[in-house]
Amino acid sequence: MRVIFMGTPDFSVPVMTEILGQGHQIVAVYTRAPKPAGRGMDLRPSPVHALADKFAIPVFTPKTLRNDEEIRRFTALEADVAVVVAYGLILPKAVLDAPRLGCLNLHASLLPRWRGAAPIQRAIMAGDKETGVMVMKMEEGLDTGPVGMAERMTITPDMSASDLHDRLSLIGADLMVRALAAQSRESLHFTVQSEDGVTYAHKIEKAEARIDWKRSAADLDNHIRGLSPFPGAFFEVDFGKGAERIKVLRSKLVSGHGVPGTLLDDALTIACGDGALQIMDVQRAGKAPMKADEFLRGARLSKGIILPSPA
């Protein structure tokens, strides 16, 4: 089939790769424009853009699709279907209706749970035991379209957002090519989403990444895993030069109790509102991730100090 691929981050790359591997013709790629990155702040293309360049596929990076010129260019591609995976721009109705078979979106949740921007992080942060990916036919609402295919998976207790991201990306690539195969035979059947159980995966705000030690250890472990490695749950500590943010990348539930935020031992075990957490991996500002014991060798944190929580 003639496919327009619309995606931007690493999550989208396995899907695009699998579509090409199955022999479909990607006639154009739509992605976000290159952004300044690195010490030199050179413009860096998105991962999807870089892959498209390797295959000499035309790339478009409009700031919006809500104008007549962009709609005409999109329509002129005469695609059978558009595949949308974490693209980042809203598609107006004229774009949604342009491909012969419509626009298929790969969404990383079990809809209608976690519609929106951050379904992977929110699922872990909420303590969900299961998630998945779904192929949905797009309509104008936010992730409200009917679902054609789904694949479920378990969220294990030690799984971080990074782990889940990578796993769902691979599962989603396989799911999407199976959906395209069915769609090419006109045998992909869609089911309207239920209005029961709708939740929204709002974009992660920096302020909510701060660790509140008054919460239970179980909740904070979910919070840490759901934000690891980016943007990273963090606490603040003063080593004598003002408050420094310390990202927590991995933790584990342990026994212990005390005033929330209290350092209970010399192994970075911290009392929470209910139970305790042992911090395993951290990252200081401008530094590489490190194990807790390495961090403690230079941090000089004493048993009994109390780490602050948000006011």
C-alpha atoms as a PDB file:
ATOM      1  CA  MET A   1       0.000   0.000   0.000  1.00  0.00           C
ATOM      2  CA  ARG A   2       0.940   3.661  -0.388  1.00  0.00           C
ATOM      3  CA  VAL A   3       1.572   4.864   3.147  1.00  0.00           C
ATOM      4  CA  ILE A   4       2.194   8.279   4.661  1.00  0.00           C
ATOM      5  CA  PHE A   5       4.123   7.811   7.901  1.00  0.00           C
ATOM      6  CA  MET A   6       3.712  10.446  10.606  1.00  0.00           C
ATOM      7  CA  GLY A   7       5.916  10.167  13.680  1.00  0.00           C
ATOM      8  CA  THR A   8       8.768  11.808  15.536  1.00  0.00           C
ATOM      9  CA  PRO A   9      10.547  10.070  18.468  1.00  0.00           C
ATOM     10  CA  ASP A  10      12.418   6.792  18.964  1.00  0.00           C
ATOM     11  CA  PHE A  11       9.130   5.054  19.798  1.00  0.00           C
ATOM     12  CA  SER A  12       8.017   5.490  16.174  1.00  0.00           C
ATOM     13  CA  VAL A  13      11.137   4.060  14.522  1.00  0.00           C
ATOM     14  CA  PRO A  14      10.465   0.287  14.887  1.00  0.00           C
ATOM     15  CA  VAL A  15       6.970   0.799  13.445  1.00  0.00           C
ATOM     16  CA  MET A  16       8.297   2.605  10.390  1.00  0.00           C
ATOM     17  CA  THR A  17      11.068   0.029   9.978  1.00  0.00           C
ATOM     18  CA  GLU A  18       8.596  -2.855  10.079  1.00  0.00           C
ATOM     19  CA  ILE A  19       6.279  -1.171   7.569  1.00  0.00           C
ATOM     20  CA  LEU A  20       9.168  -0.818   5.137  1.00  0.00           C
ATOM     21  CA  GLY A  21      10.240  -4.397   5.804  1.00  0.00           C
ATOM     22  CA  GLN A  22       6.798  -5.675   4.871  1.00  0.00           C
ATOM     23  CA  GLY A  23       7.105  -4.111   1.429  1.00  0.00           C
ATOM     24  CA  HIS A  24       4.736  -1.172   1.795  1.00  0.00           C
ATOM     25  CA  GLN A  25       5.669   2.025  -0.038  1.00  0.00           C
ATOM     26  CA  ILE A  26       6.121   4.964   2.302  1.00  0.00           C
ATOM     27  CA  VAL A  27       5.515   7.848  -0.076  1.00  0.00           C
ATOM     28  CA  ALA A  28       6.283  10.571   2.468  1.00  0.00           C
ATOM     29  CA  VAL A  29       7.202  11.094   6.104  1.00  0.00           C
ATOM     30  CA  TYR A  30       5.780  13.840   8.295  1.00  0.00           C
ATOM     31  CA  THR A  31       7.729  14.636  11.445  1.00  0.00           C
ATOM     32  CA  ARG A  32       8.627  17.510  13.749  1.00  0.00           C
ATOM     33  CA  ALA A  33      11.221  19.976  12.498  1.00  0.00           C
ATOM     34  CA  PRO A  34      14.888  19.557  13.516  1.00  0.00           C
ATOM     35  CA  LYS A  35      15.766  21.096  16.889  1.00  0.00           C
ATOM     36  CA  PRO A  36      19.019  22.536  18.256  1.00  0.00           C
ATOM     37  CA  ALA A  37      20.897  19.909  20.296  1.00  0.00           C
ATOM     38  CA  GLY A  38      24.330  19.178  21.705  1.00  0.00           C
ATOM     39  CA  ARG A  39      27.041  21.590  22.802  1.00  0.00           C
ATOM     40  CA  GLY A  40      27.144  23.257  19.422  1.00  0.00           C
ATOM     41  CA  MET A  41      23.333  23.536  19.321  1.00  0.00           C
ATOM     42  CA  ASP A  42      23.341  22.230  15.767  1.00  0.00           C
ATOM     43  CA  LEU A  43      19.982  21.354  14.282  1.00  0.00           C
ATOM     44  CA  ARG A  44      19.295  17.659  14.865  1.00  0.00           C
ATOM     45  CA  PRO A  45      16.595  15.834  12.883  1.00  0.00           C
ATOM     46  CA  SER A  46      14.109  13.626  14.707  1.00  0.00           C
ATOM     47  CA  PRO A  47      14.792   9.855  14.811  1.00  0.00           C
ATOM     48  CA  VAL A  48      12.051   9.319  12.225  1.00  0.00           C
ATOM     49  CA  HIS A  49      13.524  12.020   9.996  1.00  0.00           C
ATOM     50  CA  ALA A  50      16.956  10.368  10.191  1.00  0.00           C
ATOM     51  CA  LEU A  51      15.498   6.986   9.196  1.00  0.00           C
ATOM     52  CA  ALA A  52      13.598   8.534   6.288  1.00  0.00           C
ATOM     53  CA  ASP A  53      16.816  10.107   4.999  1.00  0.00           C
ATOM     54  CA  LYS A  54      18.486   6.675   4.955  1.00  0.00           C
ATOM     55  CA  PHE A  55      15.784   5.411   2.619  1.00  0.00           C
ATOM     56  CA  ALA A  56      15.574   8.627   0.557  1.00  0.00           C
ATOM     57  CA  ILE A  57      11.945   9.136   1.533  1.00  0.00           C
ATOM     58  CA  PRO A  58      10.604  12.691   1.145  1.00  0.00           C
ATOM     59  CA  VAL A  59      10.270  14.416   4.546  1.00  0.00           C
ATOM     60  CA  PHE A  60       7.892  17.233   5.475  1.00  0.00           C
ATOM     61  CA  THR A  61       8.141  19.186   8.727  1.00  0.00           C
ATOM     62  CA  PRO A  62       5.242  21.663   8.776  1.00  0.00           C
ATOM     63  CA  LYS A  63       4.536  23.630  11.943  1.00  0.00           C
ATOM     64  CA  THR A  64       0.830  23.064  11.376  1.00  0.00           C
ATOM     65  CA  LEU A  65      -1.449  21.080   9.094  1.00  0.00           C
ATOM     66  CA  ARG A  66      -4.282  23.546   9.536  1.00  0.00           C
ATOM     67  CA  ASN A  67      -3.862  25.500   6.304  1.00  0.00           C
ATOM     68  CA  ASP A  68      -4.964  24.963   2.725  1.00  0.00           C
ATOM     69  CA  GLU A  69      -1.460  24.616   1.288  1.00  0.00           C
ATOM     70  CA  GLU A  70      -0.489  21.771   3.627  1.00  0.00           C
ATOM     71  CA  ILE A  71      -3.816  20.016   3.151  1.00  0.00           C
ATOM     72  CA  ARG A  72      -3.410  20.161  -0.658  1.00  0.00           C
ATOM     73  CA  ARG A  73       0.140  18.773  -0.442  1.00  0.00           C
ATOM     74  CA  PHE A  74      -0.990  15.960   1.860  1.00  0.00           C
ATOM     75  CA  THR A  75      -3.958  15.070  -0.347  1.00  0.00           C
ATOM     76  CA  ALA A  76      -1.830  15.116  -3.517  1.00  0.00           C
ATOM     77  CA  LEU A  77       0.227  12.195  -2.160  1.00  0.00           C
ATOM     78  CA  GLU A  78      -2.776   9.942  -2.923  1.00  0.00           C
ATOM     79  CA  ALA A  79      -2.018   7.598  -0.027  1.00  0.00           C
ATOM     80  CA  ASP A  80      -4.012   4.503   0.734  1.00  0.00           C
ATOM     81  CA  VAL A  81      -3.492   5.056   4.461  1.00  0.00           C
ATOM     82  CA  ALA A  82      -1.613   7.264   6.903  1.00  0.00           C
ATOM     83  CA  VAL A  83       0.088   5.684   9.913  1.00  0.00           C
ATOM     84  CA  VAL A  84       0.481   8.001  12.902  1.00  0.00           C
ATOM     85  CA  VAL A  85       2.804   7.118  15.791  1.00  0.00           C
ATOM     86  CA  ALA A  86       3.650   9.847  18.332  1.00  0.00           C
ATOM     87  CA  TYR A  87       3.684  12.540  15.660  1.00  0.00           C
ATOM     88  CA  GLY A  88       3.024  15.598  17.807  1.00  0.00           C
ATOM     89  CA  LEU A  89       0.664  17.705  15.682  1.00  0.00           C
ATOM     90  CA  ILE A  90      -3.122  17.720  15.520  1.00  0.00           C
ATOM     91  CA  LEU A  91      -4.581  16.387  12.270  1.00  0.00           C
ATOM     92  CA  PRO A  92      -7.576  18.378  10.977  1.00  0.00           C
ATOM     93  CA  LYS A  93     -10.558  16.581   9.462  1.00  0.00           C
ATOM     94  CA  ALA A  94      -9.468  17.296   5.892  1.00  0.00           C
ATOM     95  CA  VAL A  95      -6.180  15.461   6.554  1.00  0.00           C
ATOM     96  CA  LEU A  96      -7.890  12.609   8.395  1.00  0.00           C
ATOM     97  CA  ASP A  97     -10.204  12.081   5.432  1.00  0.00           C
ATOM     98  CA  ALA A  98      -7.575  12.376   2.678  1.00  0.00           C
ATOM     99  CA  PRO A  99      -6.125   8.810   2.581  1.00  0.00           C
ATOM    100  CA  ARG A 100      -8.392   6.263   0.927  1.00  0.00           C
ATOM    101  CA  LEU A 101      -8.532   4.100   4.070  1.00  0.00           C
ATOM    102  CA  GLY A 102      -8.151   6.875   6.609  1.00  0.00           C
ATOM    103  CA  CYS A 103      -5.493   7.412   9.277  1.00  0.00           C
ATOM    104  CA  LEU A 104      -4.411   4.671  11.687  1.00  0.00           C
ATOM    105  CA  ASN A 105      -2.868   5.627  15.008  1.00  0.00           C
ATOM    106  CA  LEU A 106      -0.776   3.385  17.265  1.00  0.00           C
ATOM    107  CA  HIS A 107      -1.530   4.336  20.867  1.00  0.00           C
ATOM    108  CA  ALA A 108       0.399   2.979  23.849  1.00  0.00           C
ATOM    109  CA  SER A 109      -2.434   2.146  26.235  1.00  0.00           C
ATOM    110  CA  LEU A 110      -5.572   0.071  26.524  1.00  0.00           C
ATOM    111  CA  LEU A 111      -8.093   2.668  25.435  1.00  0.00           C
ATOM    112  CA  PRO A 112     -10.184   4.326  26.726  1.00  0.00           C
ATOM    113  CA  ARG A 113      -7.741   4.281  29.672  1.00  0.00           C
ATOM    114  CA  TRP A 114      -4.947   6.820  29.306  1.00  0.00           C
ATOM    115  CA  ARG A 115      -5.964   8.853  26.313  1.00  0.00           C
ATOM    116  CA  GLY A 116      -3.481  11.635  25.699  1.00  0.00           C
ATOM    117  CA  ALA A 117       0.185  12.530  25.720  1.00  0.00           C
ATOM    118  CA  ALA A 118       1.884  10.370  28.375  1.00  0.00           C
ATOM    119  CA  PRO A 119       0.158   6.967  28.575  1.00  0.00           C
ATOM    120  CA  ILE A 120       3.312   4.948  29.317  1.00  0.00           C
ATOM    121  CA  GLN A 121       4.395   7.092  32.255  1.00  0.00           C
ATOM    122  CA  ARG A 122       0.889   7.486  33.670  1.00  0.00           C
ATOM    123  CA  ALA A 123       0.162   3.758  33.613  1.00  0.00           C
ATOM    124  CA  ILE A 124       3.216   2.995  35.765  1.00  0.00           C
ATOM    125  CA  MET A 125       2.718   6.004  38.028  1.00  0.00           C
ATOM    126  CA  ALA A 126      -0.847   4.861  38.718  1.00  0.00           C
ATOM    127  CA  GLY A 127       0.285   1.357  39.631  1.00  0.00           C
ATOM    128  CA  ASP A 128      -1.467  -0.332  36.691  1.00  0.00           C
ATOM    129  CA  LYS A 129      -0.689  -4.038  36.375  1.00  0.00           C
ATOM    130  CA  GLU A 130      -1.467  -4.229  32.659  1.00  0.00           C
ATOM    131  CA  THR A 131      -1.222  -2.039  29.602  1.00  0.00           C
ATOM    132  CA  GLY A 132      -0.791  -2.531  25.862  1.00  0.00           C
ATOM    133  CA  VAL A 133      -0.971  -0.971  22.426  1.00  0.00           C
ATOM    134  CA  MET A 134      -3.946  -0.384  20.172  1.00  0.00           C
ATOM    135  CA  VAL A 135      -4.411   0.451  16.502  1.00  0.00           C
ATOM    136  CA  MET A 136      -7.158   3.032  16.271  1.00  0.00           C
ATOM    137  CA  LYS A 137      -8.832   4.756  13.326  1.00  0.00           C
ATOM    138  CA  MET A 138      -8.349   8.434  13.988  1.00  0.00           C
ATOM    139  CA  GLU A 139     -11.121  10.966  14.301  1.00  0.00           C
ATOM    140  CA  GLU A 140     -11.146  14.564  15.488  1.00  0.00           C
ATOM    141  CA  GLY A 141     -11.431  13.771  19.214  1.00  0.00           C
ATOM    142  CA  LEU A 142      -8.375  13.093  21.416  1.00  0.00           C
ATOM    143  CA  ASP A 143      -7.736   9.335  21.047  1.00  0.00           C
ATOM    144  CA  THR A 144     -11.476   8.678  20.776  1.00  0.00           C
ATOM    145  CA  GLY A 145     -11.526   6.708  17.509  1.00  0.00           C
ATOM    146  CA  PRO A 146     -12.695   3.105  17.106  1.00  0.00           C
ATOM    147  CA  VAL A 147     -10.157   0.358  17.793  1.00  0.00           C
ATOM    148  CA  GLY A 148      -9.146  -2.202  15.169  1.00  0.00           C
ATOM    149  CA  MET A 149      -6.519  -4.300  16.969  1.00  0.00           C
ATOM    150  CA  ALA A 150      -4.978  -4.534  20.436  1.00  0.00           C
ATOM    151  CA  GLU A 151      -2.148  -6.325  22.204  1.00  0.00           C
ATOM    152  CA  ARG A 152      -1.914  -6.563  25.999  1.00  0.00           C
ATOM    153  CA  MET A 153       1.122  -6.942  28.239  1.00  0.00           C
ATOM    154  CA  THR A 154       1.883  -7.116  31.964  1.00  0.00           C
ATOM    155  CA  ILE A 155       3.655  -4.289  33.753  1.00  0.00           C
ATOM    156  CA  THR A 156       6.138  -6.054  36.027  1.00  0.00           C
ATOM    157  CA  PRO A 157       7.010  -4.584  39.458  1.00  0.00           C
ATOM    158  CA  ASP A 158      10.531  -3.579  38.399  1.00  0.00           C
ATOM    159  CA  MET A 159       9.621  -2.091  35.006  1.00  0.00           C
ATOM    160  CA  SER A 160      10.562   1.533  34.324  1.00  0.00           C
ATOM    161  CA  ALA A 161       8.985   3.852  31.774  1.00  0.00           C
ATOM    162  CA  SER A 162      12.036   3.285  29.575  1.00  0.00           C
ATOM    163  CA  ASP A 163      11.603  -0.491  29.759  1.00  0.00           C
ATOM    164  CA  LEU A 164       7.905  -0.283  28.971  1.00  0.00           C
ATOM    165  CA  HIS A 165       8.494   2.215  26.162  1.00  0.00           C
ATOM    166  CA  ASP A 166      10.927  -0.124  24.397  1.00  0.00           C
ATOM    167  CA  ARG A 167       8.720  -3.179  24.830  1.00  0.00           C
ATOM    168  CA  LEU A 168       5.545  -1.476  23.603  1.00  0.00           C
ATOM    169  CA  SER A 169       7.383   0.002  20.630  1.00  0.00           C
ATOM    170  CA  LEU A 170       8.321  -3.471  19.389  1.00  0.00           C
ATOM    171  CA  ILE A 171       4.899  -4.963  20.124  1.00  0.00           C
ATOM    172  CA  GLY A 172       3.292  -1.997  18.407  1.00  0.00           C
ATOM    173  CA  ALA A 173       5.391  -2.407  15.269  1.00  0.00           C
ATOM    174  CA  ASP A 174       4.174  -5.978  14.858  1.00  0.00           C
ATOM    175  CA  LEU A 175       0.597  -4.974  15.623  1.00  0.00           C
ATOM    176  CA  MET A 176       0.569  -2.169  13.081  1.00  0.00           C
ATOM    177  CA  VAL A 177       1.846  -4.274  10.174  1.00  0.00           C
ATOM    178  CA  ARG A 178      -0.768  -6.904  10.992  1.00  0.00           C
ATOM    179  CA  ALA A 179      -3.387  -4.157  10.971  1.00  0.00           C
ATOM    180  CA  LEU A 180      -2.138  -2.879   7.621  1.00  0.00           C
ATOM    181  CA  ALA A 181      -2.295  -6.374   6.169  1.00  0.00           C
ATOM    182  CA  ALA A 182      -5.892  -6.696   7.318  1.00  0.00           C
ATOM    183  CA  GLN A 183      -6.715  -3.193   6.109  1.00  0.00           C
ATOM    184  CA  SER A 184      -5.323  -3.982   2.645  1.00  0.00           C
ATOM    185  CA  ARG A 185      -7.795  -6.886   2.473  1.00  0.00           C
ATOM    186  CA  GLU A 186     -10.519  -4.593   3.854  1.00  0.00           C
ATOM    187  CA  SER A 187     -10.941  -7.043   6.736  1.00  0.00           C
ATOM    188  CA  LEU A 188      -9.868  -4.754   9.601  1.00  0.00           C
ATOM    189  CA  HIS A 189     -12.970  -4.279  11.724  1.00  0.00           C
ATOM    190  CA  PHE A 190     -13.278  -1.451  14.227  1.00  0.00           C
ATOM    191  CA  THR A 191     -15.042  -1.350  17.600  1.00  0.00           C
ATOM    192  CA  VAL A 192     -16.266   1.893  19.124  1.00  0.00           C
ATOM    193  CA  GLN A 193     -14.553   2.724  22.402  1.00  0.00           C
ATOM    194  CA  SER A 194     -16.526   2.463  25.614  1.00  0.00           C
ATOM    195  CA  GLU A 195     -17.232   5.698  27.469  1.00  0.00           C
ATOM    196  CA  ASP A 196     -16.717   3.855  30.763  1.00  0.00           C
ATOM    197  CA  GLY A 197     -13.250   3.979  32.295  1.00  0.00           C
ATOM    198  CA  VAL A 198     -11.991   6.998  30.351  1.00  0.00           C
ATOM    199  CA  THR A 199      -8.840   8.510  31.856  1.00  0.00           C
ATOM    200  CA  TYR A 200      -6.421  11.091  30.488  1.00  0.00           C
ATOM    201  CA  ALA A 201      -2.641  10.825  30.414  1.00  0.00           C
ATOM    202  CA  HIS A 202      -1.802  14.494  30.732  1.00  0.00           C
ATOM    203  CA  LYS A 203       1.658  15.713  29.810  1.00  0.00           C
ATOM    204  CA  ILE A 204       4.169  15.307  32.644  1.00  0.00           C
ATOM    205  CA  GLU A 205       4.829  18.639  34.339  1.00  0.00           C
ATOM    206  CA  LYS A 206       8.254  19.270  35.844  1.00  0.00           C
ATOM    207  CA  ALA A 207       6.811  20.254  39.221  1.00  0.00           C
ATOM    208  CA  GLU A 208       5.068  16.915  39.732  1.00  0.00           C
ATOM    209  CA  ALA A 209       8.361  15.042  39.331  1.00  0.00           C
ATOM    210  CA  ARG A 210       9.489  16.167  42.795  1.00  0.00           C
ATOM    211  CA  ILE A 211       9.299  13.346  45.354  1.00  0.00           C
ATOM    212  CA  ASP A 212       6.926  13.877  48.264  1.00  0.00           C
ATOM    213  CA  TRP A 213       8.218  11.599  51.016  1.00  0.00           C
ATOM    214  CA  LYS A 214       4.853  11.843  52.798  1.00  0.00           C
ATOM    215  CA  ARG A 215       3.393   9.483  50.187  1.00  0.00           C
ATOM    216  CA  SER A 216       3.582   5.724  50.689  1.00  0.00           C
ATOM    217  CA  ALA A 217       6.702   3.845  49.626  1.00  0.00           C
ATOM    218  CA  ALA A 218       4.653   1.822  47.122  1.00  0.00           C
ATOM    219  CA  ASP A 219       3.254   4.973  45.507  1.00  0.00           C
ATOM    220  CA  LEU A 220       6.693   6.561  45.331  1.00  0.00           C
ATOM    221  CA  ASP A 221       8.236   3.461  43.779  1.00  0.00           C
ATOM    222  CA  ASN A 222       5.583   3.667  41.033  1.00  0.00           C
ATOM    223  CA  HIS A 223       6.268   7.396  40.726  1.00  0.00           C
ATOM    224  CA  ILE A 224      10.020   6.857  40.340  1.00  0.00           C
ATOM    225  CA  ARG A 225       9.672   4.022  37.812  1.00  0.00           C
ATOM    226  CA  GLY A 226       7.101   5.958  35.803  1.00  0.00           C
ATOM    227  CA  LEU A 227       9.424   8.933  35.399  1.00  0.00           C
ATOM    228  CA  SER A 228      12.671   7.016  34.805  1.00  0.00           C
ATOM    229  CA  PRO A 229      14.807   8.098  33.084  1.00  0.00           C
ATOM    230  CA  PHE A 230      13.013  11.228  31.859  1.00  0.00           C
ATOM    231  CA  PRO A 231      12.137  13.664  33.252  1.00  0.00           C
ATOM    232  CA  GLY A 232      13.245  11.764  36.372  1.00  0.00           C
ATOM    233  CA  ALA A 233      11.653  11.901  39.825  1.00  0.00           C
ATOM    234  CA  PHE A 234      13.869  13.983  42.093  1.00  0.00           C
ATOM    235  CA  PHE A 235      14.545  15.113  45.631  1.00  0.00           C
ATOM    236  CA  GLU A 236      16.549  18.088  46.804  1.00  0.00           C
ATOM    237  CA  VAL A 237      19.449  18.138  49.239  1.00  0.00           C
ATOM    238  CA  ASP A 238      21.873  20.848  50.346  1.00  0.00           C
ATOM    239  CA  PHE A 239      25.545  19.858  50.360  1.00  0.00           C
ATOM    240  CA  GLY A 240      26.563  23.329  51.528  1.00  0.00           C
ATOM    241  CA  LYS A 241      26.193  25.180  48.246  1.00  0.00           C
ATOM    242  CA  GLY A 242      22.421  25.446  48.091  1.00  0.00           C
ATOM    243  CA  ALA A 243      19.732  22.952  47.148  1.00  0.00           C
ATOM    244  CA  GLU A 244      20.751  20.429  44.466  1.00  0.00           C
ATOM    245  CA  ARG A 245      18.325  18.231  42.564  1.00  0.00           C
ATOM    246  CA  ILE A 246      19.071  14.510  42.631  1.00  0.00           C
ATOM    247  CA  LYS A 247      17.213  12.359  40.124  1.00  0.00           C
ATOM    248  CA  VAL A 248      16.163   8.919  41.345  1.00  0.00           C
ATOM    249  CA  LEU A 249      16.264   6.371  38.533  1.00  0.00           C
ATOM    250  CA  ARG A 250      15.633   3.145  40.445  1.00  0.00           C
ATOM    251  CA  SER A 251      14.422   2.187  43.915  1.00  0.00           C
ATOM    252  CA  LYS A 252      13.085  -0.797  45.797  1.00  0.00           C
ATOM    253  CA  LEU A 253      10.604  -1.329  48.613  1.00  0.00           C
ATOM    254  CA  VAL A 254      12.188  -2.234  51.956  1.00  0.00           C
ATOM    255  CA  SER A 255      11.079  -2.423  55.577  1.00  0.00           C
ATOM    256  CA  GLY A 256      11.554   0.629  57.746  1.00  0.00           C
ATOM    257  CA  HIS A 257       9.706   3.558  59.248  1.00  0.00           C
ATOM    258  CA  GLY A 258      10.310   7.034  60.539  1.00  0.00           C
ATOM    259  CA  VAL A 259       9.497  10.653  59.885  1.00  0.00           C
ATOM    260  CA  PRO A 260       8.924  10.920  56.100  1.00  0.00           C
ATOM    261  CA  GLY A 261      12.151  11.882  54.360  1.00  0.00           C
ATOM    262  CA  THR A 262      14.445  10.558  57.091  1.00  0.00           C
ATOM    263  CA  LEU A 263      17.630   8.810  55.975  1.00  0.00           C
ATOM    264  CA  LEU A 264      17.422   5.571  57.956  1.00  0.00           C
ATOM    265  CA  ASP A 265      20.864   4.059  57.298  1.00  0.00           C
ATOM    266  CA  ASP A 266      24.081   4.362  55.310  1.00  0.00           C
ATOM    267  CA  ALA A 267      22.581   2.646  52.226  1.00  0.00           C
ATOM    268  CA  LEU A 268      20.212   5.448  51.147  1.00  0.00           C
ATOM    269  CA  THR A 269      17.086   3.962  52.725  1.00  0.00           C
ATOM    270  CA  ILE A 270      14.514   6.711  53.208  1.00  0.00           C
ATOM    271  CA  ALA A 271      11.363   6.675  55.335  1.00  0.00           C
ATOM    272  CA  CYS A 272       8.111   7.398  53.543  1.00  0.00           C
ATOM    273  CA  GLY A 273       4.582   8.135  54.722  1.00  0.00           C
ATOM    274  CA  ASP A 274       4.058   4.377  54.870  1.00  0.00           C
ATOM    275  CA  GLY A 275       7.095   2.083  54.658  1.00  0.00           C
ATOM    276  CA  ALA A 276      10.496   2.913  53.208  1.00  0.00           C
ATOM    277  CA  LEU A 277      12.412   3.005  49.936  1.00  0.00           C
ATOM    278  CA  GLN A 278      16.013   2.128  49.248  1.00  0.00           C
ATOM    279  CA  ILE A 279      17.378   4.299  46.473  1.00  0.00           C
ATOM    280  CA  MET A 280      19.432   2.198  44.044  1.00  0.00           C
ATOM    281  CA  ASP A 281      20.401   4.460  41.099  1.00  0.00           C
ATOM    282  CA  VAL A 282      20.615   8.254  40.991  1.00  0.00           C
ATOM    283  CA  GLN A 283      21.847  11.056  38.766  1.00  0.00           C
ATOM    284  CA  ARG A 284      23.305  14.364  39.861  1.00  0.00           C
ATOM    285  CA  ALA A 285      22.929  17.448  37.691  1.00  0.00           C
ATOM    286  CA  GLY A 286      25.382  17.323  34.795  1.00  0.00           C
ATOM    287  CA  LYS A 287      26.625  13.854  35.766  1.00  0.00           C
ATOM    288  CA  ALA A 288      26.113  10.343  34.418  1.00  0.00           C
ATOM    289  CA  PRO A 289      23.765   7.943  36.250  1.00  0.00           C
ATOM    290  CA  MET A 290      25.444   6.194  39.170  1.00  0.00           C
ATOM    291  CA  LYS A 291      24.809   3.553  41.817  1.00  0.00           C
ATOM    292  CA  ALA A 292      23.747   4.731  45.257  1.00  0.00           C
ATOM    293  CA  ASP A 293      26.998   3.609  46.918  1.00  0.00           C
ATOM    294  CA  GLU A 294      29.046   5.664  44.440  1.00  0.00           C
ATOM    295  CA  PHE A 295      26.789   8.656  45.060  1.00  0.00           C
ATOM    296  CA  LEU A 296      27.146   8.316  48.835  1.00  0.00           C
ATOM    297  CA  ARG A 297      30.940   8.300  48.641  1.00  0.00           C
ATOM    298  CA  GLY A 298      30.857  11.886  47.445  1.00  0.00           C
ATOM    299  CA  ALA A 299      27.577  13.089  48.935  1.00  0.00           C
ATOM    300  CA  ARG A 300      28.358  12.861  52.671  1.00  0.00           C
ATOM    301  CA  LEU A 301      24.775  12.282  53.756  1.00  0.00           C
ATOM    302  CA  SER A 302      24.419  11.324  57.401  1.00  0.00           C
ATOM    303  CA  LYS A 303      21.939   8.912  58.897  1.00  0.00           C
ATOM    304  CA  GLY A 304      19.092  10.816  60.521  1.00  0.00           C
ATOM    305  CA  ILE A 305      18.944  13.804  58.199  1.00  0.00           C
ATOM    306  CA  ILE A 306      15.491  14.622  56.819  1.00  0.00           C
ATOM    307  CA  LEU A 307      15.079  15.283  53.108  1.00  0.00           C
ATOM    308  CA  PRO A 308      12.440  17.970  52.450  1.00  0.00           C
ATOM    309  CA  SER A 309       9.116  17.306  50.777  1.00  0.00           C
ATOM    310  CA  PRO A 310       7.148  19.827  48.698  1.00  0.00           C
ATOM    311  CA  ALA A 311       5.290  22.382  50.800  1.00  0.00           C
END
